[in-house]
PDB file of N, CA and C in Angstrom:
ATOM      1  N   MET A   1      40.286  76.178  18.607  1.00  0.00           N
ATOM      2  CA  MET A   1      41.569  75.512  18.824  1.00  0.00           C
ATOM      3  C   MET A   1      41.956  75.680  20.267  1.00  0.00           C
ATOM      4  N   ASN A   2      42.670  74.655  20.725  1.00  0.00           N
ATOM      5  CA  ASN A   2      43.018  74.762  22.285  1.00  0.00           C
ATOM      6  C   ASN A   2      44.348  73.883  22.399  1.00  0.00           C
ATOM      7  N   PRO A   3      45.496  74.381  21.940  1.00  0.00           N
ATOM      8  CA  PRO A   3      46.665  73.603  22.174  1.00  0.00           C
ATOM      9  C   PRO A   3      46.906  73.326  23.633  1.00  0.00           C
ATOM     10  N   ALA A   4      47.268  72.244  24.006  1.00  0.00           N
ATOM     11  CA  ALA A   4      47.580  71.889  25.346  1.00  0.00           C
ATOM     12  C   ALA A   4      48.807  72.851  25.868  1.00  0.00           C
ATOM     13  N   PRO A   5      48.859  73.150  27.199  1.00  0.00           N
ATOM     14  CA  PRO A   5      49.836  73.973  27.703  1.00  0.00           C
ATOM     15  C   PRO A   5      51.209  73.022  27.672  1.00  0.00           C
ATOM     16  N   ALA A   6      52.167  73.715  27.360  1.00  0.00           N
ATOM     17  CA  ALA A   6      53.433  72.748  27.282  1.00  0.00           C
ATOM     18  C   ALA A   6      54.776  73.736  27.848  1.00  0.00           C
ATOM     19  N   SER A   7      55.626  72.859  28.351  1.00  0.00           N
ATOM     20  CA  SER A   7      56.731  73.483  28.915  1.00  0.00           C
ATOM     21  C   SER A   7      57.974  73.221  27.945  1.00  0.00           C
ATOM     22  N   ASP A   8      57.828  72.268  27.213  1.00  0.00           N
ATOM     23  CA  ASP A   8      58.921  71.883  26.254  1.00  0.00           C
ATOM     24  C   ASP A   8      58.854  72.889  25.164  1.00  0.00           C
ATOM     25  N   PRO A   9      60.049  73.650  24.913  1.00  0.00           N
ATOM     26  CA  PRO A   9      60.133  74.580  23.769  1.00  0.00           C
ATOM     27  C   PRO A   9      59.797  74.147  22.427  1.00  0.00           C
ATOM     28  N   ARG A  10      59.930  72.932  22.107  1.00  0.00           N
ATOM     29  CA  ARG A  10      59.446  72.516  20.870  1.00  0.00           C
ATOM     30  C   ARG A  10      57.938  72.424  20.691  1.00  0.00           C
ATOM     31  N   GLN A  11      57.208  71.980  21.967  1.00  0.00           N
ATOM     32  CA  GLN A  11      55.935  72.022  21.913  1.00  0.00           C
ATOM     33  C   GLN A  11      55.293  73.332  21.923  1.00  0.00           C
ATOM     34  N   VAL A  12      55.934  74.244  22.651  1.00  0.00           N
ATOM     35  CA  VAL A  12      55.480  75.704  22.531  1.00  0.00           C
ATOM     36  C   VAL A  12      55.482  76.203  21.177  1.00  0.00           C
ATOM     37  N   ALA A  13      56.717  75.953  20.452  1.00  0.00           N
ATOM     38  CA  ALA A  13      56.954  76.521  19.245  1.00  0.00           C
ATOM     39  C   ALA A  13      55.830  75.856  18.154  1.00  0.00           C
ATOM     40  N   ARG A  14      55.578  74.685  18.293  1.00  0.00           N
ATOM     41  CA  ARG A  14      54.571  73.949  17.557  1.00  0.00           C
ATOM     42  C   ARG A  14      53.253  74.493  17.690  1.00  0.00           C
ATOM     43  N   ALA A  15      52.847  74.843  18.899  1.00  0.00           N
ATOM     44  CA  ALA A  15      51.660  75.369  19.244  1.00  0.00           C
ATOM     45  C   ALA A  15      51.393  76.718  18.498  1.00  0.00           C
ATOM     46  N   ALA A  16      52.670  77.619  18.755  1.00  0.00           N
ATOM     47  CA  ALA A  16      52.526  78.846  18.228  1.00  0.00           C
ATOM     48  C   ALA A  16      52.323  78.822  16.571  1.00  0.00           C
ATOM     49  N   ALA A  17      52.974  77.809  16.002  1.00  0.00           N
ATOM     50  CA  ALA A  17      52.797  77.541  14.527  1.00  0.00           C
ATOM     51  C   ALA A  17      51.437  77.209  14.241  1.00  0.00           C
ATOM     52  N   GLN A  18      50.796  76.418  14.982  1.00  0.00           N
ATOM     53  CA  GLN A  18      49.423  75.971  14.843  1.00  0.00           C
ATOM     54  C   GLN A  18      48.412  77.229  14.890  1.00  0.00           C
ATOM     55  N   TRP A  19      48.649  77.885  15.920  1.00  0.00           N
ATOM     56  CA  TRP A  19      47.866  79.243  16.057  1.00  0.00           C
ATOM     57  C   TRP A  19      47.951  80.009  14.784  1.00  0.00           C
ATOM     58  N   LEU A  20      49.108  80.359  14.363  1.00  0.00           N
ATOM     59  CA  LEU A  20      49.466  81.093  13.214  1.00  0.00           C
ATOM     60  C   LEU A  20      48.843  80.487  12.001  1.00  0.00           C
ATOM     61  N   ALA A  21      48.921  79.215  11.831  1.00  0.00           N
ATOM     62  CA  ALA A  21      48.346  78.716  10.656  1.00  0.00           C
ATOM     63  C   ALA A  21      46.698  78.771  10.719  1.00  0.00           C
ATOM     64  N   LEU A  22      46.218  78.764  11.783  1.00  0.00           N
ATOM     65  CA  LEU A  22      44.768  78.867  12.038  1.00  0.00           C
ATOM     66  C   LEU A  22      44.409  80.400  11.560  1.00  0.00           C
ATOM     67  N   LEU A  23      45.148  81.212  12.122  1.00  0.00           N
ATOM     68  CA  LEU A  23      44.865  82.737  11.784  1.00  0.00           C
ATOM     69  C   LEU A  23      45.097  82.935  10.302  1.00  0.00           C
ATOM     70  N   GLU A  24      46.058  82.416   9.674  1.00  0.00           N
ATOM     71  CA  GLU A  24      46.409  82.661   8.375  1.00  0.00           C
ATOM     72  C   GLU A  24      45.357  81.829   7.409  1.00  0.00           C
ATOM     73  N   SER A  25      44.766  80.826   7.929  1.00  0.00           N
ATOM     74  CA  SER A  25      43.703  80.178   7.165  1.00  0.00           C
ATOM     75  C   SER A  25      42.508  81.060   6.785  1.00  0.00           C
ATOM     76  N   GLY A  26      42.164  81.981   7.569  1.00  0.00           N
ATOM     77  CA  GLY A  26      40.972  82.734   7.401  1.00  0.00           C
ATOM     78  C   GLY A  26      39.803  82.053   8.000  1.00  0.00           C
ATOM     79  N   THR A  27      39.848  81.218   8.821  1.00  0.00           N
ATOM     80  CA  THR A  27      38.829  80.311   9.313  1.00  0.00           C
ATOM     81  C   THR A  27      38.675  80.534  10.806  1.00  0.00           C
ATOM     82  N   ALA A  28      39.635  81.479  11.409  1.00  0.00           N
ATOM     83  CA  ALA A  28      39.546  81.586  12.768  1.00  0.00           C
ATOM     84  C   ALA A  28      38.373  82.237  13.268  1.00  0.00           C
ATOM     85  N   SER A  29      37.744  81.776  14.212  1.00  0.00           N
ATOM     86  CA  SER A  29      36.473  82.367  14.941  1.00  0.00           C
ATOM     87  C   SER A  29      37.072  83.476  16.021  1.00  0.00           C
ATOM     88  N   GLU A  30      36.009  84.085  16.427  1.00  0.00           N
ATOM     89  CA  GLU A  30      36.341  85.129  17.560  1.00  0.00           C
ATOM     90  C   GLU A  30      36.829  84.357  18.838  1.00  0.00           C
ATOM     91  N   GLY A  31      36.094  83.202  19.011  1.00  0.00           N
ATOM     92  CA  GLY A  31      36.634  82.294  20.155  1.00  0.00           C
ATOM     93  C   GLY A  31      38.069  81.872  19.990  1.00  0.00           C
ATOM     94  N   ASP A  32      38.370  81.570  18.652  1.00  0.00           N
ATOM     95  CA  ASP A  32      39.794  81.146  18.490  1.00  0.00           C
ATOM     96  C   ASP A  32      40.704  82.336  18.671  1.00  0.00           C
ATOM     97  N   GLN A  33      40.402  83.476  18.348  1.00  0.00           N
ATOM     98  CA  GLN A  33      41.272  84.612  18.608  1.00  0.00           C
ATOM     99  C   GLN A  33      41.322  84.908  20.078  1.00  0.00           C
ATOM    100  N   GLN A  34      40.327  84.675  20.797  1.00  0.00           N
ATOM    101  CA  GLN A  34      40.259  84.856  22.251  1.00  0.00           C
ATOM    102  C   GLN A  34      41.236  83.810  22.818  1.00  0.00           C
ATOM    103  N   GLY A  35      41.139  82.631  22.253  1.00  0.00           N
ATOM    104  CA  GLY A  35      41.984  81.508  22.796  1.00  0.00           C
ATOM    105  C   GLY A  35      43.444  81.707  22.734  1.00  0.00           C
ATOM    106  N   LEU A  36      43.678  82.277  21.448  1.00  0.00           N
ATOM    107  CA  LEU A  36      45.188  82.715  21.190  1.00  0.00           C
ATOM    108  C   LEU A  36      45.635  83.761  22.220  1.00  0.00           C
ATOM    109  N   GLN A  37      44.775  84.691  22.547  1.00  0.00           N
ATOM    110  CA  GLN A  37      45.217  85.733  23.489  1.00  0.00           C
ATOM    111  C   GLN A  37      45.424  85.196  24.824  1.00  0.00           C
ATOM    112  N   GLN A  38      44.534  84.160  25.187  1.00  0.00           N
ATOM    113  CA  GLN A  38      44.638  83.595  26.505  1.00  0.00           C
ATOM    114  C   GLN A  38      45.933  82.707  26.450  1.00  0.00           C
ATOM    115  N   TRP A  39      46.228  82.015  25.416  1.00  0.00           N
ATOM    116  CA  TRP A  39      47.310  81.233  25.438  1.00  0.00           C
ATOM    117  C   TRP A  39      48.600  82.114  25.544  1.00  0.00           C
ATOM    118  N   ARG A  40      48.698  83.244  24.802  1.00  0.00           N
ATOM    119  CA  ARG A  40      49.896  84.051  24.799  1.00  0.00           C
ATOM    120  C   ARG A  40      50.117  84.575  26.244  1.00  0.00           C
ATOM    121  N   GLU A  41      49.043  84.862  27.034  1.00  0.00           N
ATOM    122  CA  GLU A  41      49.034  85.470  28.474  1.00  0.00           C
ATOM    123  C   GLU A  41      49.292  84.396  29.421  1.00  0.00           C
ATOM    124  N   ARG A  42      49.144  83.201  29.016  1.00  0.00           N
ATOM    125  CA  ARG A  42      49.434  82.227  30.070  1.00  0.00           C
ATOM    126  C   ARG A  42      50.849  81.947  30.499  1.00  0.00           C
ATOM    127  N   CYS A  43      51.803  82.286  29.597  1.00  0.00           N
ATOM    128  CA  CYS A  43      53.232  82.004  29.983  1.00  0.00           C
ATOM    129  C   CYS A  43      54.032  82.889  29.144  1.00  0.00           C
ATOM    130  N   ALA A  44      55.149  83.458  29.673  1.00  0.00           N
ATOM    131  CA  ALA A  44      56.075  84.307  28.915  1.00  0.00           C
ATOM    132  C   ALA A  44      56.678  83.543  27.657  1.00  0.00           C
ATOM    133  N   SER A  45      56.911  82.217  27.811  1.00  0.00           N
ATOM    134  CA  SER A  45      57.495  81.469  26.650  1.00  0.00           C
ATOM    135  C   SER A  45      56.366  81.324  25.539  1.00  0.00           C
ATOM    136  N   HIS A  46      55.176  81.260  25.994  1.00  0.00           N
ATOM    137  CA  HIS A  46      54.145  81.333  24.852  1.00  0.00           C
ATOM    138  C   HIS A  46      54.200  82.773  24.033  1.00  0.00           C
ATOM    139  N   GLU A  47      54.236  83.815  24.721  1.00  0.00           N
ATOM    140  CA  GLU A  47      54.356  85.097  24.068  1.00  0.00           C
ATOM    141  C   GLU A  47      55.589  85.143  23.232  1.00  0.00           C
ATOM    142  N   GLN A  48      56.703  84.615  23.782  1.00  0.00           N
ATOM    143  CA  GLN A  48      58.032  84.731  22.878  1.00  0.00           C
ATOM    144  C   GLN A  48      57.885  83.949  21.797  1.00  0.00           C
ATOM    145  N   ALA A  49      57.200  82.654  21.843  1.00  0.00           N
ATOM    146  CA  ALA A  49      57.161  81.923  20.602  1.00  0.00           C
ATOM    147  C   ALA A  49      56.207  82.467  19.688  1.00  0.00           C
ATOM    148  N   TRP A  50      55.257  83.100  20.132  1.00  0.00           N
ATOM    149  CA  TRP A  50      54.209  83.911  19.299  1.00  0.00           C
ATOM    150  C   TRP A  50      54.999  84.854  18.420  1.00  0.00           C
ATOM    151  N   GLN A  51      55.809  85.650  19.089  1.00  0.00           N
ATOM    152  CA  GLN A  51      56.481  86.802  18.509  1.00  0.00           C
ATOM    153  C   GLN A  51      57.493  86.251  17.394  1.00  0.00           C
ATOM    154  N   LYS A  52      58.121  85.234  17.716  1.00  0.00           N
ATOM    155  CA  LYS A  52      59.031  84.573  16.771  1.00  0.00           C
ATOM    156  C   LYS A  52      58.411  84.035  15.527  1.00  0.00           C
ATOM    157  N   ALA A  53      57.272  83.567  15.682  1.00  0.00           N
ATOM    158  CA  ALA A  53      56.420  82.999  14.608  1.00  0.00           C
ATOM    159  C   ALA A  53      55.926  84.164  13.773  1.00  0.00           C
ATOM    160  N   GLN A  54      55.493  85.189  14.323  1.00  0.00           N
ATOM    161  CA  GLN A  54      55.166  86.360  13.702  1.00  0.00           C
ATOM    162  C   GLN A  54      56.357  86.892  12.761  1.00  0.00           C
ATOM    163  N   MET A  55      57.537  87.015  13.323  1.00  0.00           N
ATOM    164  CA  MET A  55      58.713  87.524  12.728  1.00  0.00           C
ATOM    165  C   MET A  55      59.014  86.630  11.548  1.00  0.00           C
ATOM    166  N   LEU A  56      58.905  85.161  11.735  1.00  0.00           N
ATOM    167  CA  LEU A  56      59.063  84.238  10.672  1.00  0.00           C
ATOM    168  C   LEU A  56      58.176  84.517   9.369  1.00  0.00           C
ATOM    169  N   ARG A  57      56.928  84.758   9.789  1.00  0.00           N
ATOM    170  CA  ARG A  57      55.983  85.047   8.791  1.00  0.00           C
ATOM    171  C   ARG A  57      56.288  86.179   7.879  1.00  0.00           C
ATOM    172  N   GLN A  58      56.937  87.184   8.381  1.00  0.00           N
ATOM    173  CA  GLN A  58      57.381  88.249   7.528  1.00  0.00           C
ATOM    174  C   GLN A  58      58.585  87.971   6.762  1.00  0.00           C
TER     175      GLN A  58
END
């Protein structure tokens, strides 16, 4: 998976949700997990959206 970089908060939140859905599906490859890590590191807003998605999951 490779969500496009986004500056719109809604797009960033949507991308975080897509990453979360992929991981929860059980079909994420090692490459997907690396892609998620790169996405999170690309921008502070990505990491914040990921953290929020993780909190909502719980």
